[in-house]
Amino acid sequence: MTLKACQKQEKMDREFQKKFKFEGSIRVLTQMMVDPAATEKRGGAKHLPLRRGEILDVIQFTNEEQILCRNSQRRYGYVPQAVMLPL
């Protein structure tokens, strides 16, 4: 990984912490997959866009309805727990 790519990732992580008021280090708890039968949705202000079969890193189980996740492009957002499947 180049220095520029590393700096970009650190910047994205800082923006995530500020936007979601997340304190502490960002740790991946587990990985989950978006249900292949789920409808694809566009992302919103704090929601991730959903793609069928995509594998997401789970950062935090916020409540019974939503999970805070990170996708492969290092974008963060909430995902409905109903469309997530364990790996």
C-alpha atoms as a PDB file:
ATOM      1  CA  MET A   1       0.000   0.000   0.000  1.00  0.00           C
ATOM      2  CA  THR A   2       1.388   3.372  -0.953  1.00  0.00           C
ATOM      3  CA  LEU A   3       1.693   6.298   1.420  1.00  0.00           C
ATOM      4  CA  LYS A   4      -0.968   8.226  -0.480  1.00  0.00           C
ATOM      5  CA  ALA A   5      -3.462   5.332  -0.235  1.00  0.00           C
ATOM      6  CA  CYS A   6      -2.743   4.958   3.480  1.00  0.00           C
ATOM      7  CA  GLN A   7      -3.338   8.657   4.083  1.00  0.00           C
ATOM      8  CA  LYS A   8      -6.601   8.492   2.127  1.00  0.00           C
ATOM      9  CA  GLN A   9      -7.816   5.574   4.268  1.00  0.00           C
ATOM     10  CA  GLU A  10      -6.920   7.419   7.472  1.00  0.00           C
ATOM     11  CA  LYS A  11      -8.824  10.482   6.260  1.00  0.00           C
ATOM     12  CA  MET A  12     -11.911   8.373   5.447  1.00  0.00           C
ATOM     13  CA  ASP A  13     -11.732   6.767   8.897  1.00  0.00           C
ATOM     14  CA  ARG A  14     -11.557  10.185  10.594  1.00  0.00           C
ATOM     15  CA  GLU A  15     -14.538  11.418   8.576  1.00  0.00           C
ATOM     16  CA  PHE A  16     -16.458   8.290   9.572  1.00  0.00           C
ATOM     17  CA  GLN A  17     -15.718   8.843  13.259  1.00  0.00           C
ATOM     18  CA  LYS A  18     -16.867  12.456  13.040  1.00  0.00           C
ATOM     19  CA  LYS A  19     -20.032  11.732  11.009  1.00  0.00           C
ATOM     20  CA  PHE A  20     -21.225   8.817  13.154  1.00  0.00           C
ATOM     21  CA  LYS A  21     -19.842  10.129  16.469  1.00  0.00           C
ATOM     22  CA  PHE A  22     -17.846   6.912  16.811  1.00  0.00           C
ATOM     23  CA  GLU A  23     -15.187   6.905  19.497  1.00  0.00           C
ATOM     24  CA  GLY A  24     -12.251   4.554  19.830  1.00  0.00           C
ATOM     25  CA  SER A  25     -10.531   2.444  17.242  1.00  0.00           C
ATOM     26  CA  ILE A  26     -12.433   0.980  14.316  1.00  0.00           C
ATOM     27  CA  ARG A  27     -12.497  -2.798  14.668  1.00  0.00           C
ATOM     28  CA  VAL A  28     -14.244  -5.279  12.422  1.00  0.00           C
ATOM     29  CA  LEU A  29     -16.442  -7.533  14.561  1.00  0.00           C
ATOM     30  CA  THR A  30     -17.444  -9.941  11.805  1.00  0.00           C
ATOM     31  CA  GLN A  31     -18.352 -10.099   8.152  1.00  0.00           C
ATOM     32  CA  MET A  32     -21.873 -10.551   6.827  1.00  0.00           C
ATOM     33  CA  MET A  33     -23.390 -10.850   3.386  1.00  0.00           C
ATOM     34  CA  VAL A  34     -26.282  -8.883   1.920  1.00  0.00           C
ATOM     35  CA  ASP A  35     -29.119 -11.304   1.119  1.00  0.00           C
ATOM     36  CA  PRO A  36     -29.004 -12.232  -2.600  1.00  0.00           C
ATOM     37  CA  ALA A  37     -32.824 -12.042  -2.650  1.00  0.00           C
ATOM     38  CA  ALA A  38     -32.898  -8.495  -1.220  1.00  0.00           C
ATOM     39  CA  THR A  39     -33.724  -5.545  -3.428  1.00  0.00           C
ATOM     40  CA  GLU A  40     -30.811  -3.278  -4.250  1.00  0.00           C
ATOM     41  CA  LYS A  41     -31.078   0.167  -2.689  1.00  0.00           C
ATOM     42  CA  ARG A  42     -29.261   3.418  -3.179  1.00  0.00           C
ATOM     43  CA  GLY A  43     -27.450   4.814  -0.197  1.00  0.00           C
ATOM     44  CA  GLY A  44     -28.641   7.818   1.724  1.00  0.00           C
ATOM     45  CA  ALA A  45     -27.024  10.289   4.079  1.00  0.00           C
ATOM     46  CA  LYS A  46     -25.963   7.676   6.611  1.00  0.00           C
ATOM     47  CA  HIS A  47     -26.994   4.478   4.809  1.00  0.00           C
ATOM     48  CA  LEU A  48     -24.836   2.284   2.615  1.00  0.00           C
ATOM     49  CA  PRO A  49     -25.975   1.379  -0.879  1.00  0.00           C
ATOM     50  CA  LEU A  50     -26.983  -2.287  -0.969  1.00  0.00           C
ATOM     51  CA  ARG A  51     -25.835  -4.717  -3.624  1.00  0.00           C
ATOM     52  CA  ARG A  52     -27.008  -8.325  -3.652  1.00  0.00           C
ATOM     53  CA  GLY A  53     -24.432 -10.770  -2.350  1.00  0.00           C
ATOM     54  CA  GLU A  54     -21.990  -8.066  -1.234  1.00  0.00           C
ATOM     55  CA  ILE A  55     -19.866  -8.923   1.793  1.00  0.00           C
ATOM     56  CA  LEU A  56     -19.693  -6.152   4.406  1.00  0.00           C
ATOM     57  CA  ASP A  57     -17.495  -5.653   7.477  1.00  0.00           C
ATOM     58  CA  VAL A  58     -19.600  -5.196  10.610  1.00  0.00           C
ATOM     59  CA  ILE A  59     -18.271  -2.364  12.771  1.00  0.00           C
ATOM     60  CA  GLN A  60     -21.066  -2.127  15.355  1.00  0.00           C
ATOM     61  CA  PHE A  61     -24.448  -3.704  16.088  1.00  0.00           C
ATOM     62  CA  THR A  62     -26.276  -0.428  16.801  1.00  0.00           C
ATOM     63  CA  ASN A  63     -29.739  -1.804  17.555  1.00  0.00           C
ATOM     64  CA  GLU A  64     -32.078  -4.627  16.545  1.00  0.00           C
ATOM     65  CA  GLU A  65     -32.891  -3.008  13.204  1.00  0.00           C
ATOM     66  CA  GLN A  66     -29.602  -1.570  11.916  1.00  0.00           C
ATOM     67  CA  ILE A  67     -25.941  -2.477  11.735  1.00  0.00           C
ATOM     68  CA  LEU A  68     -23.049  -0.087  11.147  1.00  0.00           C
ATOM     69  CA  CYS A  69     -20.983  -1.541   8.288  1.00  0.00           C
ATOM     70  CA  ARG A  70     -18.122  -0.833   5.904  1.00  0.00           C
ATOM     71  CA  ASN A  71     -18.096  -1.953   2.268  1.00  0.00           C
ATOM     72  CA  SER A  72     -15.163  -2.879   0.041  1.00  0.00           C
ATOM     73  CA  GLN A  73     -14.687   0.772  -1.025  1.00  0.00           C
ATOM     74  CA  ARG A  74     -14.187   1.709   2.668  1.00  0.00           C
ATOM     75  CA  ARG A  75     -17.498   3.575   2.779  1.00  0.00           C
ATOM     76  CA  TYR A  76     -19.389   3.432   6.048  1.00  0.00           C
ATOM     77  CA  GLY A  77     -23.091   3.460   6.782  1.00  0.00           C
ATOM     78  CA  TYR A  78     -26.098   1.795   8.321  1.00  0.00           C
ATOM     79  CA  VAL A  79     -27.601  -1.365   6.836  1.00  0.00           C
ATOM     80  CA  PRO A  80     -30.946  -2.935   7.827  1.00  0.00           C
ATOM     81  CA  GLN A  81     -30.281  -6.085   9.831  1.00  0.00           C
ATOM     82  CA  ALA A  82     -33.184  -7.841   8.065  1.00  0.00           C
ATOM     83  CA  VAL A  83     -31.221  -8.066   4.784  1.00  0.00           C
ATOM     84  CA  MET A  84     -27.996  -9.380   6.322  1.00  0.00           C
ATOM     85  CA  LEU A  85     -26.950 -13.034   6.419  1.00  0.00           C
ATOM     86  CA  PRO A  86     -24.117 -14.522   8.471  1.00  0.00           C
ATOM     87  CA  LEU A  87     -21.224 -16.059   6.522  1.00  0.00           C
END
